[in-house]
Amino acid sequence: MSLERVHDFLCMVRSEPASYRVLDLSGVSFLDSAGVGALVSLFISRRRAGKGLALVALALQGTAVLQVSGLIRLLPLYTSVDLAIRQFRS
């Protein structure tokens, strides 16, 4: 997820009315600072609205970016969609 795709991504997921959103990122092989900013923005806006967000299957490169930035403690990461959904339902 890079600068070229962030705008379309945010337009697509921000309008989601569900109380929680699980993003399966297994198809995302690259995450730059614009992508990280989009995920943080989405997380914050959903949290303010009383809604949840979970990230699933983030590639090693993306996980490393979140680790270096310290955002790994903010954004909820899961290894599977099932685990993320169970967290919201509990």
Protein backbone atom coordinates (compact mmCIF):
# COMPACT_ATOMS: atom_id res chain seq x y z
CA MET A 1 0.00 0.00 0.00
CA SER A 2 1.67 3.12 -1.22
CA LEU A 3 0.85 6.77 -1.85
CA GLU A 4 -0.69 5.97 -5.24
CA ARG A 5 -3.35 3.71 -3.65
CA VAL A 6 -4.04 5.34 -0.30
CA HIS A 7 -6.80 7.72 -1.42
CA ASP A 8 -8.85 4.97 -3.11
CA PHE A 9 -8.30 2.65 -0.14
CA LEU A 10 -9.51 5.22 2.39
CA CYS A 11 -12.56 6.14 0.29
CA MET A 12 -13.51 2.48 0.11
CA VAL A 13 -13.09 1.55 3.79
CA ARG A 14 -14.10 4.74 5.61
CA SER A 15 -17.73 4.41 4.57
CA GLU A 16 -18.03 0.97 6.16
CA PRO A 17 -20.95 1.15 8.65
CA ALA A 18 -20.20 -2.12 10.47
CA SER A 19 -19.24 -1.96 14.13
CA TYR A 20 -15.94 -3.67 13.35
CA ARG A 21 -13.81 -4.05 10.27
CA VAL A 22 -11.23 -6.78 9.66
CA LEU A 23 -8.70 -5.99 6.93
CA ASP A 24 -6.99 -9.03 5.46
CA LEU A 25 -3.68 -7.62 4.26
CA SER A 26 -2.23 -10.90 3.02
CA GLY A 27 -2.18 -9.51 -0.53
CA VAL A 28 -0.25 -6.38 0.51
CA SER A 29 3.45 -6.95 -0.06
CA PHE A 30 4.63 -3.37 0.49
CA LEU A 31 3.64 -0.74 3.03
CA ASP A 32 5.17 2.74 2.88
CA SER A 33 4.67 5.73 5.18
CA ALA A 34 1.53 6.79 3.28
CA GLY A 35 0.06 3.32 3.79
CA VAL A 36 0.93 3.41 7.49
CA GLY A 37 -0.64 6.85 7.77
CA ALA A 38 -3.81 5.56 6.09
CA LEU A 39 -4.08 2.63 8.51
CA VAL A 40 -3.54 4.88 11.52
CA SER A 41 -6.07 7.41 10.22
CA LEU A 42 -8.61 4.67 9.66
CA PHE A 43 -7.99 3.18 13.10
CA ILE A 44 -8.37 6.56 14.83
CA SER A 45 -11.50 7.57 12.93
CA ARG A 46 -13.16 4.21 13.62
CA ARG A 47 -12.17 4.35 17.28
CA ARG A 48 -13.66 7.84 17.65
CA ALA A 49 -16.89 6.52 16.11
CA GLY A 50 -16.95 3.63 18.59
CA LYS A 51 -16.05 1.10 15.90
CA GLY A 52 -13.25 -1.45 15.76
CA LEU A 53 -10.51 -2.24 13.26
CA ALA A 54 -8.23 -5.25 13.06
CA LEU A 55 -5.38 -5.93 10.65
CA VAL A 56 -4.72 -9.49 9.55
CA ALA A 57 -1.76 -11.20 7.89
CA LEU A 58 0.46 -8.15 7.47
CA ALA A 59 3.64 -9.07 5.58
CA LEU A 60 7.01 -9.00 7.34
CA GLN A 61 7.94 -5.73 5.64
CA GLY A 62 4.78 -4.03 6.90
CA THR A 63 5.21 -5.45 10.38
CA ALA A 64 8.79 -4.16 10.43
CA VAL A 65 7.61 -0.67 9.45
CA LEU A 66 5.06 -0.68 12.29
CA GLN A 67 7.69 -2.01 14.71
CA VAL A 68 10.23 0.70 13.86
CA SER A 69 7.61 3.43 14.11
CA GLY A 70 6.25 2.15 17.42
CA LEU A 71 2.77 1.79 15.93
CA ILE A 72 2.79 -1.95 16.48
CA ARG A 73 1.43 -1.20 19.98
CA LEU A 74 -1.44 0.89 18.59
CA LEU A 75 -2.75 -1.11 15.66
CA PRO A 76 -4.35 -4.47 16.49
CA LEU A 77 -2.61 -7.18 14.42
CA TYR A 78 -3.81 -10.76 14.07
CA THR A 79 -2.53 -13.81 12.23
CA SER A 80 -5.97 -14.87 10.95
CA VAL A 81 -9.37 -13.41 10.19
CA ASP A 82 -10.97 -15.92 12.59
CA LEU A 83 -8.83 -14.72 15.51
CA ALA A 84 -9.67 -11.08 14.78
CA ILE A 85 -13.39 -11.77 14.57
CA ARG A 86 -13.32 -13.78 17.79
CA GLN A 87 -11.66 -10.82 19.53
CA PHE A 88 -14.51 -8.51 18.50
CA ARG A 89 -17.19 -10.99 19.48
CA SER A 90 -15.80 -11.62 22.95
